[in-house]
Amino acid sequence: MSETTANLALPLIAAAQAGKHVTHNEALAVLDTIVQLACLDKDLTAPPPSPVEGARYLIADASPTGAWTGLAGRIVHFHDGVWDGIAPKAGWIAYLADEDAFYRFDGTAWSTLSRTLSTLQDLGLLGLGTGADAENPFAAKLNTALWTARGTSEGGSGDLRLALNKAATENVLSLLLQTGFSARAEIGLLGDDSLTAKVSADGTGWAHAWRVLPNNGYVGFGSAAAPGGPLPVAPIFVSGSMTGALLQLENYSGSSSAVVNITARIARGTPAAPTGILAGDRFFGFFGRGCLATGGFSGNAVTFNGVAEEDFTATAQGTLVDFQTTEIGTVTRRSVVKFRGNGALELVARAGTPDLGLAPGQIVFDGTAAAFKGYQGTRWSRLTNLPRFSASMSADATIPAAAWTKVAFNTAEVNDQGAFVTATSRFVAAEAGTYTFGAGLAFRKSGGASPTALQARFYRNGAAAPRHRAAVTNLVDGVSTLSLTGTLALNAGDTVEVFAHFTGAAGGILAADSAFWGLATP
């Protein structure tokens, strides 16, 4: 028959044993030591100098000294002035008062109980360094925290993915950042499935910073950052109602070379295998759209583009800048100004001149007239390719006495814009404007007649133009001449001709020394 119990080695009272109380008290002393085991320390290598009755220690050191010699790995207790040692068994748990921690004996050594836990299931509350409650079932009061992946040598993949889940789209799944338990920032899925970030200065009023759409990854800023705001329609989309800048870039380099650079790079092909760009490819584009009175937005009504003007090579990289606008009263955008790769400024040709939105100082290139025109406040005037002509006579002409007769200038030596019609000996204004005319007539005697005076004047639209007349008297054959000049304001289609008049007798006009000329003034 065994003298001790199987598990705790409590001494048993033998039959007819004398002094049974000694054996009984010894068993009680063992129970008093190991039941509700709470030790003062486990790191001492020798007994404390003044132990109290019932004091218990774990001896973790392999070679304790003094009264603990030979008691390595045991539970020691001070009883009746003597240190006794009890050998622990695997699975025993002890509370260490100096560490405020539980330890477990695995049959060889003591280790903290938390290290032995591999599974915790269905915990109602968990507090780390603080108390958890119904509002915060998990609570931690820490200064640092670490989550690290289990490597392949530890049976893991080396990856770490933290998954957070909400019940439905309309619920909230977020990380809430606080100062003094007052919210200052929140990021997550805030009532929909867009990734949203918002901030607060007081925990009450919130401003949305950005929002990422779940279906295409487009990022919205400003009013497009708030759920329910306008949906981003581009990878980077800024929307707002403020009158100031929606986007402002600044740079402080501490020197006069501070700049803000925005670089656009384009290529054909793919990101992995880019290829050269070709003539007509666009480097960048700035587009303007406006809301219609009937609702919805217009197309790109105004643009500013950078374009390749040739296929790009190591030695050929010509570019142009193209400004496009939509003319008043239309919906079709067109190029209006280009800065070309050859250094030229091009006002893109248009058919005719505009009728709306006029202001002094405007310049256009009228493709119909093949000329630059400027608007001076009341009308458009040609600046280039002006109508001009110089006409002569193919033969001498006889003018009857006392009758204003058209001089037959039937040969055009200069006739820009075809404004002079030789068949009718008249100038026809192609467009309204101011024109300057001149005529020179040389006298030729006709037979034996001797006129006393020669006059000339301009006729506009078949009638004499007032204040434009010249005369010469004392006529000498082949010598006497007159010069007539005038400036007339004409409308499109107006005609100008030269008429002559002899006094006293008929006379002749010497073709070799007579001319009719004119030009439009800018």
Protein backbone atom coordinates (compact mmCIF):
# COMPACT_ATOMS: atom_id res chain seq x y z
CA MET A 1 0.00 0.00 0.00
CA SER A 2 1.35 3.46 -1.02
CA GLU A 3 2.32 5.87 1.74
CA THR A 4 1.37 9.01 -0.32
CA THR A 5 -1.40 10.06 -2.67
CA ALA A 6 -0.82 9.58 -6.42
CA ASN A 7 -1.02 13.21 -7.59
CA LEU A 8 -0.13 15.56 -4.74
CA ALA A 9 2.04 13.12 -2.75
CA LEU A 10 0.13 13.83 0.42
CA PRO A 11 1.28 11.58 3.28
CA LEU A 12 -1.23 8.90 4.22
CA ILE A 13 -2.00 7.78 7.79
CA ALA A 14 -1.09 4.15 8.21
CA ALA A 15 -3.26 1.70 10.17
CA ALA A 16 -2.50 1.70 13.91
CA GLN A 17 0.00 4.49 13.31
CA ALA A 18 1.14 6.38 16.38
CA GLY A 19 1.14 10.18 16.14
CA LYS A 20 -1.47 10.28 13.40
CA HIS A 21 -1.80 14.01 13.89
CA VAL A 22 1.73 14.57 12.60
CA THR A 23 1.00 12.85 9.31
CA HIS A 24 -2.33 14.65 9.02
CA ASN A 25 -0.78 18.06 9.71
CA GLU A 26 1.96 17.39 7.15
CA ALA A 27 -0.66 16.67 4.50
CA LEU A 28 -2.51 19.86 5.40
CA ALA A 29 0.76 21.81 5.10
CA VAL A 30 1.29 20.45 1.58
CA LEU A 31 -2.27 21.36 0.64
CA ASP A 32 -1.81 24.83 2.12
CA THR A 33 1.24 25.24 -0.10
CA ILE A 34 -0.04 24.10 -3.48
CA VAL A 35 -3.78 24.78 -3.38
CA GLN A 36 -4.55 28.32 -4.73
CA LEU A 37 -0.85 28.51 -5.53
CA ALA A 38 0.37 32.12 -5.31
CA CYS A 39 4.13 32.68 -5.15
CA LEU A 40 6.01 35.84 -4.37
CA ASP A 41 8.80 35.48 -6.97
CA LYS A 42 10.50 33.02 -9.28
CA ASP A 43 13.78 34.75 -10.03
CA LEU A 44 15.58 34.55 -6.66
CA THR A 45 18.65 32.30 -6.44
CA ALA A 46 18.77 32.22 -2.62
CA PRO A 47 16.20 32.50 0.18
CA PRO A 48 15.22 36.00 1.32
CA PRO A 49 16.83 36.99 4.64
CA SER A 50 13.60 37.33 6.62
CA PRO A 51 10.87 35.14 5.16
CA VAL A 52 7.40 35.20 6.61
CA GLU A 53 5.57 32.05 7.67
CA GLY A 54 3.90 30.42 4.66
CA ALA A 55 5.90 32.36 2.05
CA ARG A 56 6.07 30.53 -1.29
CA TYR A 57 8.51 30.84 -4.20
CA LEU A 58 9.23 29.17 -7.51
CA ILE A 59 12.87 28.30 -7.98
CA ALA A 60 13.61 28.68 -11.68
CA ASP A 61 17.40 28.89 -11.22
CA ALA A 62 19.26 25.65 -11.90
CA SER A 63 21.64 26.06 -8.94
CA PRO A 64 20.06 27.86 -5.98
CA THR A 65 22.14 28.40 -2.89
CA GLY A 66 21.73 28.50 0.89
CA ALA A 67 18.72 26.71 2.31
CA TRP A 68 17.45 26.28 -1.29
CA THR A 69 20.37 24.15 -2.36
CA GLY A 70 19.08 21.06 -4.13
CA LEU A 71 15.57 22.50 -4.59
CA ALA A 72 15.96 23.70 -8.22
CA GLY A 73 12.70 23.64 -10.15
CA ARG A 74 10.59 23.14 -7.02
CA ILE A 75 7.92 25.10 -5.21
CA VAL A 76 9.38 26.07 -1.84
CA HIS A 77 7.46 27.23 1.18
CA PHE A 78 8.60 28.47 4.58
CA HIS A 79 6.92 26.53 7.41
CA ASP A 80 7.87 26.32 11.08
CA GLY A 81 11.22 27.99 10.31
CA VAL A 82 12.15 25.49 7.62
CA TRP A 83 12.16 25.62 3.76
CA ASP A 84 10.41 22.63 2.20
CA GLY A 85 10.32 21.89 -1.51
CA ILE A 86 7.50 20.33 -3.54
CA ALA A 87 8.12 19.09 -7.08
CA PRO A 88 5.48 20.48 -9.50
CA LYS A 89 3.75 18.32 -12.10
CA ALA A 90 2.90 19.17 -15.69
CA GLY A 91 -0.18 21.36 -15.95
CA TRP A 92 0.14 23.07 -12.57
CA ILE A 93 -0.62 26.83 -12.61
CA ALA A 94 0.91 29.39 -10.26
CA TYR A 95 0.26 33.09 -9.77
CA LEU A 96 3.42 35.26 -9.52
CA ALA A 97 2.63 38.27 -7.36
CA ASP A 98 5.66 40.37 -8.39
CA GLU A 99 4.70 40.05 -12.08
CA ASP A 100 0.92 39.97 -11.68
CA ALA A 101 0.95 37.04 -14.10
CA PHE A 102 0.02 33.38 -14.24
CA TYR A 103 2.62 30.71 -15.06
CA ARG A 104 2.16 27.14 -16.25
CA PHE A 105 4.53 24.21 -15.65
CA ASP A 106 4.99 22.07 -18.76
CA GLY A 107 6.85 19.26 -16.97
CA THR A 108 10.24 20.89 -17.50
CA ALA A 109 10.00 24.65 -16.99
CA TRP A 110 7.64 27.41 -16.01
CA SER A 111 6.29 29.77 -18.70
CA THR A 112 3.65 32.49 -18.73
CA LEU A 113 0.17 31.13 -19.16
CA SER A 114 -0.49 33.51 -22.09
CA ARG A 115 2.23 31.79 -24.13
CA THR A 116 0.52 28.48 -23.78
CA LEU A 117 -2.83 29.72 -25.08
CA SER A 118 -3.33 28.79 -28.75
CA THR A 119 -7.09 29.22 -29.01
CA LEU A 120 -9.56 31.67 -27.50
CA GLN A 121 -13.11 31.22 -28.70
CA ASP A 122 -16.32 33.19 -28.16
CA LEU A 123 -14.91 35.68 -25.64
CA GLY A 124 -17.53 38.18 -24.55
CA LEU A 125 -15.01 40.85 -23.49
CA LEU A 126 -11.27 41.26 -23.90
CA GLY A 127 -9.27 44.08 -22.36
CA LEU A 128 -5.53 44.64 -22.83
CA GLY A 129 -4.14 47.07 -20.29
CA THR A 130 -7.62 48.41 -19.66
CA GLY A 131 -11.15 47.22 -19.07
CA ALA A 132 -13.51 46.21 -21.85
CA ASP A 133 -17.22 46.95 -21.61
CA ALA A 134 -20.44 46.43 -23.51
CA GLU A 135 -19.79 49.46 -25.76
CA ASN A 136 -16.20 48.41 -26.44
CA PRO A 137 -16.06 44.59 -26.05
CA PHE A 138 -12.42 44.74 -27.12
CA ALA A 139 -10.28 47.44 -25.52
CA ALA A 140 -6.52 47.92 -25.47
CA LYS A 141 -4.44 50.53 -23.70
CA LEU A 142 -1.01 50.37 -25.33
CA ASN A 143 1.88 52.47 -26.54
CA THR A 144 2.95 50.13 -29.32
CA ALA A 145 1.40 47.22 -31.17
CA LEU A 146 2.70 44.79 -33.77
CA TRP A 147 1.04 42.56 -36.32
CA THR A 148 3.52 40.45 -38.26
CA ALA A 149 3.10 37.76 -40.88
CA ARG A 150 3.98 34.13 -40.22
CA GLY A 151 6.81 33.19 -42.56
CA THR A 152 7.08 30.08 -44.67
CA SER A 153 9.53 28.54 -42.20
CA GLU A 154 6.81 28.86 -39.56
CA GLY A 155 4.16 27.20 -41.66
CA GLY A 156 2.76 30.45 -43.04
CA SER A 157 2.82 32.23 -46.42
CA GLY A 158 4.69 35.38 -45.43
CA ASP A 159 1.62 37.48 -46.25
CA LEU A 160 -0.54 39.39 -43.80
CA ARG A 161 -4.06 40.51 -44.70
CA LEU A 162 -6.31 42.12 -42.09
CA ALA A 163 -9.95 41.66 -43.09
CA LEU A 164 -12.74 43.86 -41.77
CA ASN A 165 -16.32 43.17 -42.78
CA LYS A 166 -19.63 45.02 -42.57
CA ALA A 167 -23.08 43.52 -42.90
CA ALA A 168 -24.42 45.53 -45.86
CA THR A 169 -23.54 48.40 -48.23
CA GLU A 170 -25.46 50.98 -46.22
CA ASN A 171 -23.56 50.14 -43.01
CA VAL A 172 -20.32 51.76 -41.84
CA LEU A 173 -16.91 50.11 -41.73
CA SER A 174 -14.26 52.59 -40.67
CA LEU A 175 -11.17 53.50 -38.70
CA LEU A 176 -12.05 56.38 -36.36
CA LEU A 177 -9.15 58.53 -35.12
CA GLN A 178 -9.69 60.57 -31.94
CA THR A 179 -8.01 63.17 -29.77
CA GLY A 180 -9.06 63.03 -26.10
CA PHE A 181 -11.85 60.64 -27.18
CA SER A 182 -13.20 63.30 -29.58
CA ALA A 183 -13.25 62.24 -33.25
CA ARG A 184 -10.88 64.03 -35.62
CA ALA A 185 -10.66 61.79 -38.69
CA GLU A 186 -12.44 58.77 -40.15
CA ILE A 187 -11.53 56.59 -43.10
CA GLY A 188 -13.41 53.61 -44.47
CA LEU A 189 -16.66 52.59 -46.13
CA LEU A 190 -18.95 55.24 -44.71
CA GLY A 191 -22.49 54.29 -45.62
CA ASP A 192 -21.69 52.98 -49.09
CA ASP A 193 -18.91 51.00 -50.77
CA SER A 194 -16.72 53.98 -51.69
CA LEU A 195 -13.46 54.37 -49.76
CA THR A 196 -13.86 57.75 -48.05
CA ALA A 197 -11.78 59.96 -45.77
CA LYS A 198 -13.22 62.82 -43.74
CA VAL A 199 -11.87 65.09 -40.99
CA SER A 200 -13.25 67.17 -38.14
CA ALA A 201 -11.96 69.96 -35.94
CA ASP A 202 -14.39 69.32 -33.08
CA GLY A 203 -15.85 65.85 -33.57
CA THR A 204 -19.18 67.33 -34.70
CA GLY A 205 -18.72 69.12 -38.02
CA TRP A 206 -17.13 67.06 -40.76
CA ALA A 207 -15.38 67.89 -44.05
CA HIS A 208 -14.89 65.18 -46.65
CA ALA A 209 -11.36 65.05 -48.05
CA TRP A 210 -11.56 62.41 -50.79
CA ARG A 211 -13.59 59.49 -52.06
CA VAL A 212 -12.60 56.54 -54.27
CA LEU A 213 -15.33 54.92 -56.35
CA PRO A 214 -15.45 51.12 -56.06
CA ASN A 215 -16.26 50.40 -59.71
CA ASN A 216 -13.43 52.27 -61.44
CA GLY A 217 -11.03 53.66 -58.82
CA TYR A 218 -11.74 57.30 -59.75
CA VAL A 219 -10.83 59.69 -56.90
CA GLY A 220 -13.10 62.65 -56.07
CA PHE A 221 -12.07 65.76 -54.15
CA GLY A 222 -14.09 68.72 -52.90
CA SER A 223 -17.85 68.17 -53.12
CA ALA A 224 -17.13 64.97 -55.07
CA ALA A 225 -15.53 63.56 -51.91
CA ALA A 226 -18.83 63.31 -50.03
CA PRO A 227 -21.15 60.33 -50.55
CA GLY A 228 -24.13 61.63 -52.45
CA GLY A 229 -22.04 64.30 -54.17
CA PRO A 230 -21.23 64.39 -57.89
CA LEU A 231 -19.66 61.15 -59.11
CA PRO A 232 -16.04 61.41 -60.27
CA VAL A 233 -15.96 61.02 -64.05
CA ALA A 234 -12.17 61.02 -64.39
CA PRO A 235 -9.30 59.30 -62.52
CA ILE A 236 -8.76 62.57 -60.63
CA PHE A 237 -11.96 64.63 -60.26
CA VAL A 238 -12.27 67.90 -58.33
CA SER A 239 -15.68 69.51 -57.73
CA GLY A 240 -16.70 72.47 -55.61
CA SER A 241 -18.85 75.58 -55.23
CA MET A 242 -16.21 77.98 -53.96
CA THR A 243 -15.18 81.07 -55.92
CA GLY A 244 -11.49 80.56 -55.23
CA ALA A 245 -9.10 78.04 -56.74
CA LEU A 246 -10.18 74.40 -56.75
CA LEU A 247 -6.57 73.36 -57.32
CA GLN A 248 -3.52 75.31 -56.16
CA LEU A 249 0.09 74.18 -56.51
CA GLU A 250 2.87 75.81 -54.50
CA ASN A 251 6.61 75.28 -54.17
CA TYR A 252 9.03 76.79 -51.65
CA SER A 253 12.60 75.88 -52.52
CA GLY A 254 14.30 78.65 -50.57
CA SER A 255 15.79 80.17 -53.73
CA SER A 256 14.80 82.21 -56.74
CA SER A 257 14.57 79.02 -58.82
CA ALA A 258 11.35 77.86 -57.14
CA VAL A 259 8.96 76.59 -59.80
CA VAL A 260 5.86 74.43 -60.07
CA ASN A 261 6.24 71.94 -62.90
CA ILE A 262 3.43 69.87 -64.35
CA THR A 263 4.73 67.26 -66.77
CA ALA A 264 2.62 65.23 -69.18
CA ARG A 265 4.20 62.21 -70.87
CA ILE A 266 2.55 60.24 -73.66
CA ALA A 267 3.50 57.17 -75.66
CA ARG A 268 1.87 54.71 -77.95
CA GLY A 269 2.02 50.99 -77.19
CA THR A 270 1.75 49.80 -73.60
CA PRO A 271 3.41 50.74 -70.28
CA ALA A 272 5.58 47.64 -70.62
CA ALA A 273 6.46 48.33 -74.25
CA PRO A 274 5.95 52.02 -75.17
CA THR A 275 6.36 53.14 -78.78
CA GLY A 276 6.91 56.50 -80.47
CA ILE A 277 4.13 59.04 -80.83
CA LEU A 278 2.95 60.19 -84.25
CA ALA A 279 1.98 63.51 -85.78
CA GLY A 280 -1.37 64.63 -84.38
CA ASP A 281 -0.99 62.82 -81.03
CA ARG A 282 -1.96 65.05 -78.11
CA PHE A 283 0.38 65.58 -75.15
CA PHE A 284 -2.24 67.21 -72.96
CA GLY A 285 -5.64 68.83 -73.15
CA PHE A 286 -7.52 71.26 -70.94
CA PHE A 287 -11.27 71.15 -71.60
CA GLY A 288 -14.09 73.43 -70.49
CA ARG A 289 -17.77 72.43 -70.26
CA GLY A 290 -20.77 74.42 -69.03
CA CYS A 291 -24.20 73.57 -67.64
CA LEU A 292 -27.03 74.20 -70.11
CA ALA A 293 -30.11 76.25 -69.26
CA THR A 294 -32.12 73.16 -70.19
CA GLY A 295 -30.08 70.95 -67.84
CA GLY A 296 -27.04 68.77 -68.33
CA PHE A 297 -23.60 69.85 -69.45
CA SER A 298 -22.30 70.87 -72.84
CA GLY A 299 -19.55 69.10 -74.69
CA ASN A 300 -15.99 70.41 -74.59
CA ALA A 301 -16.80 74.00 -75.59
CA VAL A 302 -13.28 75.39 -75.10
CA THR A 303 -9.95 73.54 -75.14
CA PHE A 304 -6.20 74.12 -74.92
CA ASN A 305 -4.09 71.34 -76.39
CA GLY A 306 -0.45 70.44 -76.89
CA VAL A 307 -0.01 68.38 -80.07
CA ALA A 308 2.82 66.61 -81.88
CA GLU A 309 3.36 68.17 -85.31
CA GLU A 310 5.42 65.28 -86.64
CA ASP A 311 6.29 61.67 -85.85
CA PHE A 312 8.73 61.77 -82.94
CA THR A 313 12.29 60.55 -83.43
CA ALA A 314 15.58 61.30 -81.73
CA THR A 315 16.12 64.26 -84.07
CA ALA A 316 12.56 65.37 -84.95
CA GLN A 317 10.22 66.50 -82.19
CA GLY A 318 8.09 69.31 -83.59
CA THR A 319 5.07 70.44 -81.56
CA LEU A 320 2.27 72.98 -81.65
CA VAL A 321 -0.17 74.52 -79.16
CA ASP A 322 -3.81 74.69 -80.27
CA PHE A 323 -6.50 76.93 -78.74
CA GLN A 324 -10.10 76.04 -79.65
CA THR A 325 -13.33 77.91 -78.88
CA THR A 326 -17.00 77.72 -79.84
CA GLU A 327 -18.40 80.66 -81.81
CA ILE A 328 -21.33 82.57 -80.31
CA GLY A 329 -24.65 81.06 -81.32
CA THR A 330 -23.17 77.71 -82.35
CA VAL A 331 -22.25 74.40 -80.70
CA THR A 332 -19.26 73.48 -82.87
CA ARG A 333 -15.77 73.97 -81.45
CA ARG A 334 -13.00 75.03 -83.84
CA SER A 335 -9.34 75.94 -83.70
CA VAL A 336 -8.83 79.70 -83.54
CA VAL A 337 -5.14 80.18 -82.67
CA LYS A 338 -2.14 77.90 -83.09
CA PHE A 339 1.47 78.37 -82.07
CA ARG A 340 3.21 76.26 -84.68
CA GLY A 341 6.37 74.23 -84.46
CA ASN A 342 8.05 76.52 -87.00
CA GLY A 343 7.68 79.46 -84.60
CA ALA A 344 4.74 81.03 -86.43
CA LEU A 345 1.58 82.36 -84.82
CA GLU A 346 -1.41 81.19 -86.86
CA LEU A 347 -4.84 82.75 -86.71
CA VAL A 348 -6.82 79.85 -88.12
CA ALA A 349 -8.79 80.91 -91.21
CA ARG A 350 -12.54 81.29 -90.99
CA ALA A 351 -15.15 81.97 -93.69
CA GLY A 352 -16.00 85.64 -93.46
CA THR A 353 -15.90 87.84 -90.36
CA PRO A 354 -17.89 87.30 -87.16
CA ASP A 355 -21.13 89.18 -86.51
CA LEU A 356 -21.43 88.65 -82.72
CA GLY A 357 -19.19 89.35 -79.77
CA LEU A 358 -17.45 92.22 -81.54
CA ALA A 359 -15.04 94.56 -79.77
CA PRO A 360 -12.40 97.01 -81.02
CA GLY A 361 -9.00 95.42 -81.49
CA GLN A 362 -10.16 92.03 -82.76
CA ILE A 363 -8.21 90.45 -85.61
CA VAL A 364 -9.25 87.47 -87.74
CA PHE A 365 -8.05 85.80 -90.88
CA ASP A 366 -10.90 85.79 -93.37
CA GLY A 367 -10.38 82.72 -95.54
CA THR A 368 -12.99 83.92 -98.03
CA ALA A 369 -11.11 87.17 -98.59
CA ALA A 370 -7.70 85.53 -98.01
CA ALA A 371 -6.82 88.49 -95.78
CA PHE A 372 -6.29 89.50 -92.17
CA LYS A 373 -9.00 91.88 -90.98
CA GLY A 374 -9.28 94.10 -87.94
CA TYR A 375 -12.37 95.42 -86.17
CA GLN A 376 -12.09 99.10 -85.21
CA GLY A 377 -15.40 99.47 -83.41
CA THR A 378 -17.81 99.95 -86.32
CA ARG A 379 -16.63 97.73 -89.15
CA TRP A 380 -14.07 95.17 -90.25
CA SER A 381 -11.17 96.49 -92.33
CA ARG A 382 -8.64 94.59 -94.36
CA LEU A 383 -5.13 94.63 -92.97
CA THR A 384 -3.54 92.54 -95.74
CA ASN A 385 -4.25 91.54 -99.34
CA LEU A 386 -5.92 94.90 -99.95
CA PRO A 387 -7.83 95.49 -103.23
CA ARG A 388 -5.73 97.73 -105.49
CA PHE A 389 -5.47 98.45 -109.16
CA SER A 390 -3.85 100.57 -111.80
CA ALA A 391 -5.61 100.91 -115.16
CA SER A 392 -4.63 102.50 -118.46
CA MET A 393 -6.10 103.13 -121.89
CA SER A 394 -5.32 101.00 -124.91
CA ALA A 395 -5.93 103.95 -127.27
CA ASP A 396 -6.46 107.70 -127.24
CA ALA A 397 -10.08 108.76 -126.62
CA THR A 398 -12.16 111.72 -127.88
CA ILE A 399 -14.48 113.43 -125.43
CA PRO A 400 -17.33 115.58 -126.82
CA ALA A 401 -17.71 119.20 -125.68
CA ALA A 402 -19.92 120.16 -122.76
CA ALA A 403 -20.81 116.57 -121.76
CA TRP A 404 -19.49 114.51 -118.84
CA THR A 405 -18.24 111.35 -120.50
CA LYS A 406 -16.70 108.21 -118.99
CA VAL A 407 -13.05 107.72 -119.82
CA ALA A 408 -12.49 104.21 -121.18
CA PHE A 409 -9.69 102.79 -119.02
CA ASN A 410 -9.80 99.27 -120.44
CA THR A 411 -6.44 97.80 -119.52
CA ALA A 412 -5.56 96.66 -115.94
CA GLU A 413 -1.84 96.72 -115.23
CA VAL A 414 -2.36 95.98 -111.48
CA ASN A 415 -5.59 94.38 -110.36
CA ASP A 416 -5.35 92.68 -106.91
CA GLN A 417 -8.60 90.98 -105.91
CA GLY A 418 -9.89 91.60 -109.51
CA ALA A 419 -11.63 94.72 -108.26
CA PHE A 420 -11.26 96.65 -111.53
CA VAL A 421 -13.51 95.51 -114.37
CA THR A 422 -11.86 96.36 -117.70
CA ALA A 423 -15.01 95.64 -119.71
CA THR A 424 -16.86 98.48 -117.99
CA SER A 425 -13.86 100.67 -117.05
CA ARG A 426 -14.99 100.79 -113.44
CA PHE A 427 -13.85 99.74 -109.97
CA VAL A 428 -16.31 97.55 -108.01
CA ALA A 429 -15.89 97.38 -104.20
CA ALA A 430 -15.86 93.75 -103.06
CA GLU A 431 -16.62 94.80 -99.47
CA ALA A 432 -17.36 97.90 -97.48
CA GLY A 433 -14.41 100.07 -96.62
CA THR A 434 -12.49 103.25 -97.23
CA TYR A 435 -10.78 103.58 -100.58
CA THR A 436 -8.38 106.08 -102.07
CA PHE A 437 -8.48 106.79 -105.83
CA GLY A 438 -6.42 108.78 -108.23
CA ALA A 439 -6.54 109.65 -111.94
CA GLY A 440 -4.21 111.51 -114.30
CA LEU A 441 -5.43 112.77 -117.68
CA ALA A 442 -3.20 114.20 -120.46
CA PHE A 443 -4.69 116.56 -123.13
CA ARG A 444 -4.52 115.65 -126.79
CA LYS A 445 -5.87 118.03 -129.43
CA SER A 446 -8.70 116.58 -131.51
CA GLY A 447 -8.48 117.81 -135.07
CA GLY A 448 -8.58 121.61 -135.26
CA ALA A 449 -10.79 122.05 -132.15
CA SER A 450 -9.41 124.19 -129.35
CA PRO A 451 -11.20 123.56 -126.01
CA THR A 452 -10.56 126.09 -123.24
CA ALA A 453 -10.62 123.75 -120.22
CA LEU A 454 -10.46 120.08 -119.25
CA GLN A 455 -12.20 118.78 -116.10
CA ALA A 456 -12.34 115.33 -114.45
CA ARG A 457 -14.29 113.87 -111.55
CA PHE A 458 -15.12 110.53 -109.94
CA TYR A 459 -18.58 109.04 -110.38
CA ARG A 460 -19.85 106.78 -107.62
CA ASN A 461 -22.64 104.40 -108.57
CA GLY A 462 -23.25 106.36 -111.77
CA ALA A 463 -23.50 109.78 -110.07
CA ALA A 464 -20.91 112.49 -109.63
CA ALA A 465 -19.13 112.22 -106.30
CA PRO A 466 -19.23 115.66 -104.64
CA ARG A 467 -16.06 117.46 -103.64
CA HIS A 468 -13.92 115.39 -106.00
CA ARG A 469 -13.16 117.41 -109.17
CA ALA A 470 -10.05 118.76 -110.88
CA ALA A 471 -9.54 121.07 -113.90
CA VAL A 472 -6.83 122.48 -116.15
CA THR A 473 -7.03 125.53 -118.56
CA ASN A 474 -4.82 127.05 -121.23
CA LEU A 475 -4.57 123.65 -122.78
CA VAL A 476 -1.39 122.75 -124.70
CA ASP A 477 -1.50 119.71 -126.93
CA GLY A 478 0.50 116.80 -125.42
CA VAL A 479 1.60 118.94 -122.49
CA SER A 480 -1.33 119.90 -120.30
CA THR A 481 -2.36 117.34 -117.64
CA LEU A 482 -4.63 117.24 -114.60
CA SER A 483 -4.44 115.15 -111.44
CA LEU A 484 -7.53 114.01 -109.53
CA THR A 485 -7.48 112.27 -106.12
CA GLY A 486 -10.18 111.33 -103.65
CA THR A 487 -11.03 109.14 -100.68
CA LEU A 488 -14.43 107.50 -100.68
CA ALA A 489 -16.34 105.36 -98.19
CA LEU A 490 -17.90 102.55 -100.19
CA ASN A 491 -20.28 99.73 -99.50
CA ALA A 492 -19.88 96.30 -101.04
CA GLY A 493 -20.85 96.52 -104.75
CA ASP A 494 -20.37 100.28 -105.06
CA THR A 495 -18.72 101.38 -108.34
CA VAL A 496 -16.25 104.17 -109.11
CA GLU A 497 -15.45 105.53 -112.59
CA VAL A 498 -13.58 108.50 -114.10
CA PHE A 499 -15.53 111.03 -116.17
CA ALA A 500 -14.04 113.90 -118.23
CA HIS A 501 -15.52 117.20 -119.57
CA PHE A 502 -14.22 119.69 -122.18
CA THR A 503 -15.32 123.32 -122.35
CA GLY A 504 -15.67 125.18 -125.67
CA ALA A 505 -14.91 122.27 -127.99
CA ALA A 506 -14.30 118.56 -128.07
CA GLY A 507 -10.93 117.31 -126.96
CA GLY A 508 -8.89 114.14 -126.67
CA ILE A 509 -7.29 112.15 -123.86
CA LEU A 510 -3.73 111.00 -124.54
CA ALA A 511 -3.58 107.27 -123.62
CA ALA A 512 0.19 107.17 -123.21
CA ASP A 513 0.12 109.61 -120.28
CA SER A 514 -3.25 108.86 -118.62
CA ALA A 515 -4.04 106.43 -115.74
CA PHE A 516 -6.70 105.48 -113.17
CA TRP A 517 -5.66 103.83 -109.88
CA GLY A 518 -6.99 103.06 -106.43
CA LEU A 519 -6.64 100.93 -103.31
CA ALA A 520 -8.39 100.10 -100.08
CA THR A 521 -6.99 101.74 -96.95
CA PRO A 522 -6.52 99.56 -93.82
